[in-house]
Amino acid sequence: MASEVVVDLSAEVGADGRVSVQCLTLYIPERDRDGRVLRDQRRWVLEGADLLAHIGGGVTIMPPVEGGWLNEAGEIVWENPILIYTFIRPSEFLNLLPNLRAFLHKLGRDTRQGEVAFEFDSQFYRITRFDAASK
């Protein structure tokens, strides 16, 4: 039988005691819904990273990963999305939710996605209908 170790880790390592437990991860696509390579993936990565830095106080950009999704013909379209993530600060997250929505919907609309995906708190979300562009 395994036993749990109970320790005040913040005190033991000299941390300030604030702990972030909820991770927000955005998937920045490399291709559009037709499988064409996006010319401006880096722009979207940096825009998303700026938003996440404000939500969590910092951001991590992962190197491109390999992934795939099924197109309407049932074929796998391979791409190299970039994942960016932060561990949220709750008040900033709540205050910036409208900005997060606007970014995700603009990403989907402007890059011609069939779906935009993100993860929050170990849940995977998909957006398939995008808000109209604001004037």
Protein backbone atom coordinates (compact mmCIF):
# COMPACT_ATOMS: atom_id res chain seq x y z
CA MET A 1 0.00 0.00 0.00
CA ALA A 2 1.41 3.39 -1.05
CA SER A 3 1.52 6.20 1.46
CA GLU A 4 1.21 9.92 0.77
CA VAL A 5 3.86 12.42 1.72
CA VAL A 6 2.41 15.53 3.32
CA VAL A 7 4.72 18.51 3.14
CA ASP A 8 4.38 22.27 2.91
CA LEU A 9 6.29 22.42 -0.37
CA SER A 10 6.11 26.23 -0.62
CA ALA A 11 7.82 26.57 2.75
CA GLU A 12 10.35 23.84 2.02
CA VAL A 13 11.56 25.36 -1.26
CA GLY A 14 11.09 29.01 -0.32
CA ALA A 15 8.19 29.76 -2.68
CA ASP A 16 5.82 32.65 -1.95
CA GLY A 17 2.88 30.35 -1.22
CA ARG A 18 0.76 31.29 -4.24
CA VAL A 19 -0.02 28.16 -6.25
CA SER A 20 -1.57 28.02 -9.71
CA VAL A 21 -3.31 24.74 -10.41
CA GLN A 22 -5.31 25.31 -13.60
CA CYS A 23 -3.51 25.15 -16.92
CA LEU A 24 -4.79 26.83 -20.10
CA THR A 25 -3.32 25.51 -23.36
CA LEU A 26 -3.98 26.88 -26.84
CA TYR A 27 -3.33 24.88 -30.02
CA ILE A 28 -2.11 27.15 -32.79
CA PRO A 29 -2.69 25.39 -36.14
CA GLU A 30 -0.26 25.17 -39.01
CA ARG A 31 -2.89 24.49 -41.69
CA ASP A 32 -6.35 25.68 -42.65
CA ARG A 33 -9.42 23.44 -42.98
CA ASP A 34 -8.37 22.54 -46.54
CA GLY A 35 -4.91 21.43 -45.42
CA ARG A 36 -3.08 24.49 -46.80
CA VAL A 37 -0.13 25.76 -44.75
CA LEU A 38 -0.74 29.05 -42.96
CA ARG A 39 1.70 31.83 -43.80
CA ASP A 40 1.33 33.58 -40.45
CA GLN A 41 1.38 30.88 -37.75
CA ARG A 42 4.09 32.79 -35.82
CA ARG A 43 1.86 35.88 -35.66
CA TRP A 44 -0.90 33.84 -34.04
CA VAL A 45 1.56 32.20 -31.63
CA LEU A 46 2.84 35.59 -30.46
CA GLU A 47 -0.64 37.10 -30.17
CA GLY A 48 -1.86 34.10 -28.17
CA ALA A 49 1.29 34.14 -26.02
CA ASP A 50 0.74 37.81 -25.18
CA LEU A 51 -2.80 37.05 -24.03
CA LEU A 52 -1.73 34.03 -21.97
CA ALA A 53 1.09 35.99 -20.32
CA HIS A 54 -1.52 38.49 -19.10
CA ILE A 55 -3.78 35.67 -17.89
CA GLY A 56 -1.09 33.76 -15.99
CA GLY A 57 1.81 36.12 -15.50
CA GLY A 58 3.95 34.10 -17.91
CA VAL A 59 3.67 31.80 -20.89
CA THR A 60 5.45 28.80 -22.39
CA ILE A 61 5.63 28.17 -26.12
CA MET A 62 6.33 24.57 -27.05
CA PRO A 63 8.24 23.66 -30.19
CA PRO A 64 6.04 22.44 -33.04
CA VAL A 65 4.53 19.03 -32.39
CA GLU A 66 3.19 16.56 -34.91
CA GLY A 67 -0.54 16.01 -35.02
CA GLY A 68 -3.36 15.22 -37.35
CA TRP A 69 -7.07 15.62 -37.79
CA LEU A 70 -9.67 13.96 -40.00
CA ASN A 71 -10.95 15.95 -42.95
CA GLU A 72 -14.43 15.54 -44.43
CA ALA A 73 -13.17 12.67 -46.62
CA GLY A 74 -11.99 10.80 -43.51
CA GLU A 75 -8.31 11.28 -44.35
CA ILE A 76 -5.76 12.37 -41.76
CA VAL A 77 -4.33 15.80 -42.46
CA TRP A 78 -0.92 15.99 -40.79
CA GLU A 79 0.35 19.28 -39.42
CA ASN A 80 2.74 20.81 -36.90
CA PRO A 81 0.68 22.84 -34.42
CA ILE A 82 2.35 24.87 -31.69
CA LEU A 83 1.06 24.60 -28.14
CA ILE A 84 1.23 27.58 -25.83
CA TYR A 85 0.24 27.43 -22.18
CA THR A 86 0.05 29.21 -18.87
CA PHE A 87 -1.05 28.37 -15.36
CA ILE A 88 -3.79 30.89 -14.77
CA ARG A 89 -4.26 33.53 -12.14
CA PRO A 90 -8.01 33.24 -11.46
CA SER A 91 -8.88 36.96 -11.37
CA GLU A 92 -6.92 37.74 -14.54
CA PHE A 93 -8.44 34.70 -16.27
CA LEU A 94 -11.97 35.83 -15.45
CA ASN A 95 -11.27 39.43 -16.45
CA LEU A 96 -9.73 38.38 -19.78
CA LEU A 97 -12.27 35.70 -20.79
CA PRO A 98 -13.83 38.05 -23.37
CA ASN A 99 -10.35 38.60 -24.87
CA LEU A 100 -9.73 34.84 -24.93
CA ARG A 101 -13.03 34.25 -26.73
CA ALA A 102 -12.28 37.03 -29.23
CA PHE A 103 -8.81 35.61 -29.94
CA LEU A 104 -10.01 32.01 -30.42
CA HIS A 105 -12.88 33.03 -32.70
CA LYS A 106 -10.69 35.38 -34.73
CA LEU A 107 -8.08 32.61 -35.07
CA GLY A 108 -10.74 30.23 -36.37
CA ARG A 109 -12.29 32.76 -38.74
CA ASP A 110 -9.14 34.38 -40.12
CA THR A 111 -7.18 31.15 -40.62
CA ARG A 112 -10.15 29.26 -42.09
CA GLN A 113 -10.30 26.53 -39.45
CA GLY A 114 -12.92 23.83 -39.23
CA GLU A 115 -12.26 23.70 -35.50
CA VAL A 116 -10.19 25.55 -32.90
CA ALA A 117 -9.12 23.55 -29.87
CA PHE A 118 -7.90 24.47 -26.42
CA GLU A 119 -7.50 22.79 -23.04
CA PHE A 120 -8.41 24.12 -19.65
CA ASP A 121 -8.12 22.30 -16.34
CA SER A 122 -7.69 18.88 -18.04
CA GLN A 123 -10.77 19.42 -20.25
CA PHE A 124 -10.52 19.61 -24.06
CA TYR A 125 -12.76 22.15 -25.82
CA ARG A 126 -13.61 22.53 -29.52
CA ILE A 127 -15.04 25.61 -31.22
CA THR A 128 -16.60 24.88 -34.61
CA ARG A 129 -18.77 27.97 -35.12
CA PHE A 130 -17.03 31.31 -34.97
CA ASP A 131 -18.43 34.68 -33.96
CA ALA A 132 -18.79 37.19 -36.76
CA ALA A 133 -16.02 39.75 -37.08
CA SER A 134 -16.70 42.89 -35.08
CA LYS A 135 -16.75 46.11 -37.01
